[in-house]
Amino acid sequence: MSAADPADDLPQLPWDAEDGPVFKEPWEASAFAMAVRLSEAGAFTWSEWVDCLAAEIAAAKRRGDPDLGDRYYEHWLSALERLVVEKGLGSQSELSSLKRDWTEATVHTPHGQPVEVKKRTPAG
């Protein structure tokens, strides 16, 4: 990431001039942080990230997404998942399994309590 304002490198990022990125849900902040951290760790360059996110947004527009900004972080997450698979950091089946585990954990977690995902044994 460049030393300049990060908003300059991010296509259509919801941004508040005083507070930085705008997140409506906690998962959006998590997805944002994961992409930044993976880029900082060298998993992919920031230019690769920007290109992948732009491609996800363009594909969504071709599918008829009106691009009102309300689905921005869904595109962000899709781009992150795509890069994770492309870079060999995880497989699509691993991502699907994690999503399933997370969904199950959130359904069974009382409101206001931390969500804990149970570890799977190798057999499943």
C-alpha atoms as a PDB file:
ATOM      1  CA  MET A   1       0.000   0.000   0.000  1.00  0.00           C
ATOM      2  CA  SER A   2       1.268   3.469  -0.756  1.00  0.00           C
ATOM      3  CA  ALA A   3       1.953   6.160   1.801  1.00  0.00           C
ATOM      4  CA  ALA A   4      -0.649   8.346   0.111  1.00  0.00           C
ATOM      5  CA  ASP A   5      -4.286   8.388   1.156  1.00  0.00           C
ATOM      6  CA  PRO A   6      -5.442   4.720   0.916  1.00  0.00           C
ATOM      7  CA  ALA A   7      -8.726   5.895  -0.597  1.00  0.00           C
ATOM      8  CA  ASP A   8      -6.794   6.843  -3.744  1.00  0.00           C
ATOM      9  CA  ASP A   9      -6.051   3.168  -4.476  1.00  0.00           C
ATOM     10  CA  LEU A  10      -9.460   1.702  -3.659  1.00  0.00           C
ATOM     11  CA  PRO A  11     -12.227   1.744  -6.234  1.00  0.00           C
ATOM     12  CA  GLN A  12     -15.399   3.245  -4.792  1.00  0.00           C
ATOM     13  CA  LEU A  13     -14.493   2.551  -1.130  1.00  0.00           C
ATOM     14  CA  PRO A  14     -17.088   4.068   1.223  1.00  0.00           C
ATOM     15  CA  TRP A  15     -14.888   6.646   2.964  1.00  0.00           C
ATOM     16  CA  ASP A  16     -15.434   9.295   5.612  1.00  0.00           C
ATOM     17  CA  ALA A  17     -12.978  12.188   5.324  1.00  0.00           C
ATOM     18  CA  GLU A  18     -12.374  12.317   9.081  1.00  0.00           C
ATOM     19  CA  ASP A  19     -12.808   8.709  10.186  1.00  0.00           C
ATOM     20  CA  GLY A  20     -11.553   6.647   7.214  1.00  0.00           C
ATOM     21  CA  PRO A  21     -13.323   3.555   5.856  1.00  0.00           C
ATOM     22  CA  VAL A  22     -17.043   3.249   6.577  1.00  0.00           C
ATOM     23  CA  PHE A  23     -18.351  -0.134   7.745  1.00  0.00           C
ATOM     24  CA  LYS A  24     -22.019  -0.962   8.268  1.00  0.00           C
ATOM     25  CA  GLU A  25     -21.363  -4.417   9.718  1.00  0.00           C
ATOM     26  CA  PRO A  26     -18.464  -5.915  11.716  1.00  0.00           C
ATOM     27  CA  TRP A  27     -17.740  -8.498   8.999  1.00  0.00           C
ATOM     28  CA  GLU A  28     -17.009  -5.654   6.571  1.00  0.00           C
ATOM     29  CA  ALA A  29     -14.263  -4.327   8.835  1.00  0.00           C
ATOM     30  CA  SER A  30     -12.881  -7.848   9.198  1.00  0.00           C
ATOM     31  CA  ALA A  31     -12.810  -8.403   5.434  1.00  0.00           C
ATOM     32  CA  PHE A  32     -11.125  -5.022   4.981  1.00  0.00           C
ATOM     33  CA  ALA A  33      -8.496  -5.833   7.614  1.00  0.00           C
ATOM     34  CA  MET A  34      -7.821  -9.291   6.160  1.00  0.00           C
ATOM     35  CA  ALA A  35      -7.162  -7.895   2.682  1.00  0.00           C
ATOM     36  CA  VAL A  36      -4.855  -5.186   4.032  1.00  0.00           C
ATOM     37  CA  ARG A  37      -2.988  -7.630   6.262  1.00  0.00           C
ATOM     38  CA  LEU A  38      -2.551 -10.263   3.538  1.00  0.00           C
ATOM     39  CA  SER A  39      -1.208  -7.602   1.198  1.00  0.00           C
ATOM     40  CA  GLU A  40       1.169  -6.294   3.859  1.00  0.00           C
ATOM     41  CA  ALA A  41       2.358  -9.880   4.462  1.00  0.00           C
ATOM     42  CA  GLY A  42       3.162 -10.273   0.766  1.00  0.00           C
ATOM     43  CA  ALA A  43       0.380 -12.713  -0.150  1.00  0.00           C
ATOM     44  CA  PHE A  44      -0.491 -10.387  -3.036  1.00  0.00           C
ATOM     45  CA  THR A  45       0.440  -6.874  -4.062  1.00  0.00           C
ATOM     46  CA  TRP A  46      -1.908  -3.983  -3.501  1.00  0.00           C
ATOM     47  CA  SER A  47      -2.074  -3.515  -7.270  1.00  0.00           C
ATOM     48  CA  GLU A  48      -3.218  -7.136  -7.623  1.00  0.00           C
ATOM     49  CA  TRP A  49      -5.829  -6.459  -4.954  1.00  0.00           C
ATOM     50  CA  VAL A  50      -7.133  -3.333  -6.666  1.00  0.00           C
ATOM     51  CA  ASP A  51      -7.296  -5.116 -10.030  1.00  0.00           C
ATOM     52  CA  CYS A  52      -9.134  -8.102  -8.539  1.00  0.00           C
ATOM     53  CA  LEU A  53     -11.634  -5.916  -6.685  1.00  0.00           C
ATOM     54  CA  ALA A  54     -12.235  -3.806  -9.796  1.00  0.00           C
ATOM     55  CA  ALA A  55     -12.829  -7.007 -11.794  1.00  0.00           C
ATOM     56  CA  GLU A  56     -15.344  -8.249  -9.191  1.00  0.00           C
ATOM     57  CA  ILE A  57     -17.217  -4.951  -9.281  1.00  0.00           C
ATOM     58  CA  ALA A  58     -17.212  -4.913 -13.102  1.00  0.00           C
ATOM     59  CA  ALA A  59     -18.511  -8.511 -13.186  1.00  0.00           C
ATOM     60  CA  ALA A  60     -21.281  -7.595 -10.748  1.00  0.00           C
ATOM     61  CA  LYS A  61     -22.275  -4.653 -12.945  1.00  0.00           C
ATOM     62  CA  ARG A  62     -22.413  -6.953 -15.980  1.00  0.00           C
ATOM     63  CA  ARG A  63     -24.737  -9.228 -13.959  1.00  0.00           C
ATOM     64  CA  GLY A  64     -27.030  -6.247 -13.369  1.00  0.00           C
ATOM     65  CA  ASP A  65     -25.824  -4.921  -9.999  1.00  0.00           C
ATOM     66  CA  PRO A  66     -26.923  -1.250  -9.970  1.00  0.00           C
ATOM     67  CA  ASP A  67     -23.777  -0.362  -7.938  1.00  0.00           C
ATOM     68  CA  LEU A  68     -25.544   1.652  -5.256  1.00  0.00           C
ATOM     69  CA  GLY A  69     -22.676   1.059  -2.837  1.00  0.00           C
ATOM     70  CA  ASP A  70     -24.717  -1.136  -0.509  1.00  0.00           C
ATOM     71  CA  ARG A  71     -23.001  -4.326  -1.737  1.00  0.00           C
ATOM     72  CA  TYR A  72     -19.469  -2.963  -1.907  1.00  0.00           C
ATOM     73  CA  TYR A  73     -18.074  -5.226   0.795  1.00  0.00           C
ATOM     74  CA  GLU A  74     -19.742  -8.262  -0.744  1.00  0.00           C
ATOM     75  CA  HIS A  75     -17.603  -7.521  -3.800  1.00  0.00           C
ATOM     76  CA  TRP A  76     -14.640  -6.959  -1.485  1.00  0.00           C
ATOM     77  CA  LEU A  77     -15.161 -10.370   0.095  1.00  0.00           C
ATOM     78  CA  SER A  78     -15.570 -12.061  -3.303  1.00  0.00           C
ATOM     79  CA  ALA A  79     -12.284 -10.529  -4.451  1.00  0.00           C
ATOM     80  CA  LEU A  80     -10.569 -11.629  -1.248  1.00  0.00           C
ATOM     81  CA  GLU A  81     -11.840 -15.193  -1.626  1.00  0.00           C
ATOM     82  CA  ARG A  82     -10.752 -15.237  -5.260  1.00  0.00           C
ATOM     83  CA  LEU A  83      -7.214 -14.123  -4.404  1.00  0.00           C
ATOM     84  CA  VAL A  84      -6.972 -16.583  -1.513  1.00  0.00           C
ATOM     85  CA  VAL A  85      -7.734 -19.429  -3.915  1.00  0.00           C
ATOM     86  CA  GLU A  86      -5.626 -18.074  -6.808  1.00  0.00           C
ATOM     87  CA  LYS A  87      -2.608 -17.579  -4.553  1.00  0.00           C
ATOM     88  CA  GLY A  88      -2.938 -21.049  -3.022  1.00  0.00           C
ATOM     89  CA  LEU A  89      -3.644 -19.741   0.477  1.00  0.00           C
ATOM     90  CA  GLY A  90      -6.764 -21.909   0.698  1.00  0.00           C
ATOM     91  CA  SER A  91      -9.130 -23.860  -1.495  1.00  0.00           C
ATOM     92  CA  GLN A  92     -12.709 -23.116  -2.433  1.00  0.00           C
ATOM     93  CA  SER A  93     -13.812 -26.171  -0.423  1.00  0.00           C
ATOM     94  CA  GLU A  94     -11.929 -24.886   2.641  1.00  0.00           C
ATOM     95  CA  LEU A  95     -13.609 -21.495   2.278  1.00  0.00           C
ATOM     96  CA  SER A  96     -17.015 -23.160   1.918  1.00  0.00           C
ATOM     97  CA  SER A  97     -16.371 -25.234   5.037  1.00  0.00           C
ATOM     98  CA  LEU A  98     -15.327 -22.157   7.015  1.00  0.00           C
ATOM     99  CA  LYS A  99     -18.461 -20.286   5.892  1.00  0.00           C
ATOM    100  CA  ARG A 100     -20.635 -23.215   6.930  1.00  0.00           C
ATOM    101  CA  ASP A 101     -18.903 -23.456  10.333  1.00  0.00           C
ATOM    102  CA  TRP A 102     -19.205 -19.701  10.878  1.00  0.00           C
ATOM    103  CA  THR A 103     -22.892 -19.668   9.960  1.00  0.00           C
ATOM    104  CA  GLU A 104     -23.591 -22.569  12.303  1.00  0.00           C
ATOM    105  CA  ALA A 105     -21.679 -20.877  15.130  1.00  0.00           C
ATOM    106  CA  THR A 106     -23.506 -17.569  14.703  1.00  0.00           C
ATOM    107  CA  VAL A 107     -26.902 -19.290  14.724  1.00  0.00           C
ATOM    108  CA  HIS A 108     -26.065 -20.986  18.025  1.00  0.00           C
ATOM    109  CA  THR A 109     -24.472 -17.980  19.748  1.00  0.00           C
ATOM    110  CA  PRO A 110     -26.667 -15.888  22.051  1.00  0.00           C
ATOM    111  CA  HIS A 111     -26.917 -12.207  21.126  1.00  0.00           C
ATOM    112  CA  GLY A 112     -24.072 -10.187  22.598  1.00  0.00           C
ATOM    113  CA  GLN A 113     -21.801 -13.182  23.137  1.00  0.00           C
ATOM    114  CA  PRO A 114     -18.586 -13.779  21.200  1.00  0.00           C
ATOM    115  CA  VAL A 115     -18.930 -16.229  18.332  1.00  0.00           C
ATOM    116  CA  GLU A 116     -16.760 -19.300  18.721  1.00  0.00           C
ATOM    117  CA  VAL A 117     -16.248 -21.614  15.772  1.00  0.00           C
ATOM    118  CA  LYS A 118     -15.686 -25.194  16.867  1.00  0.00           C
ATOM    119  CA  LYS A 119     -12.584 -26.833  15.462  1.00  0.00           C
ATOM    120  CA  ARG A 120     -13.259 -29.736  13.156  1.00  0.00           C
ATOM    121  CA  THR A 121     -11.453 -33.003  13.478  1.00  0.00           C
ATOM    122  CA  PRO A 122      -9.704 -34.211  10.316  1.00  0.00           C
ATOM    123  CA  ALA A 123     -12.608 -36.614   9.709  1.00  0.00           C
ATOM    124  CA  GLY A 124     -14.972 -33.683   9.573  1.00  0.00           C
END
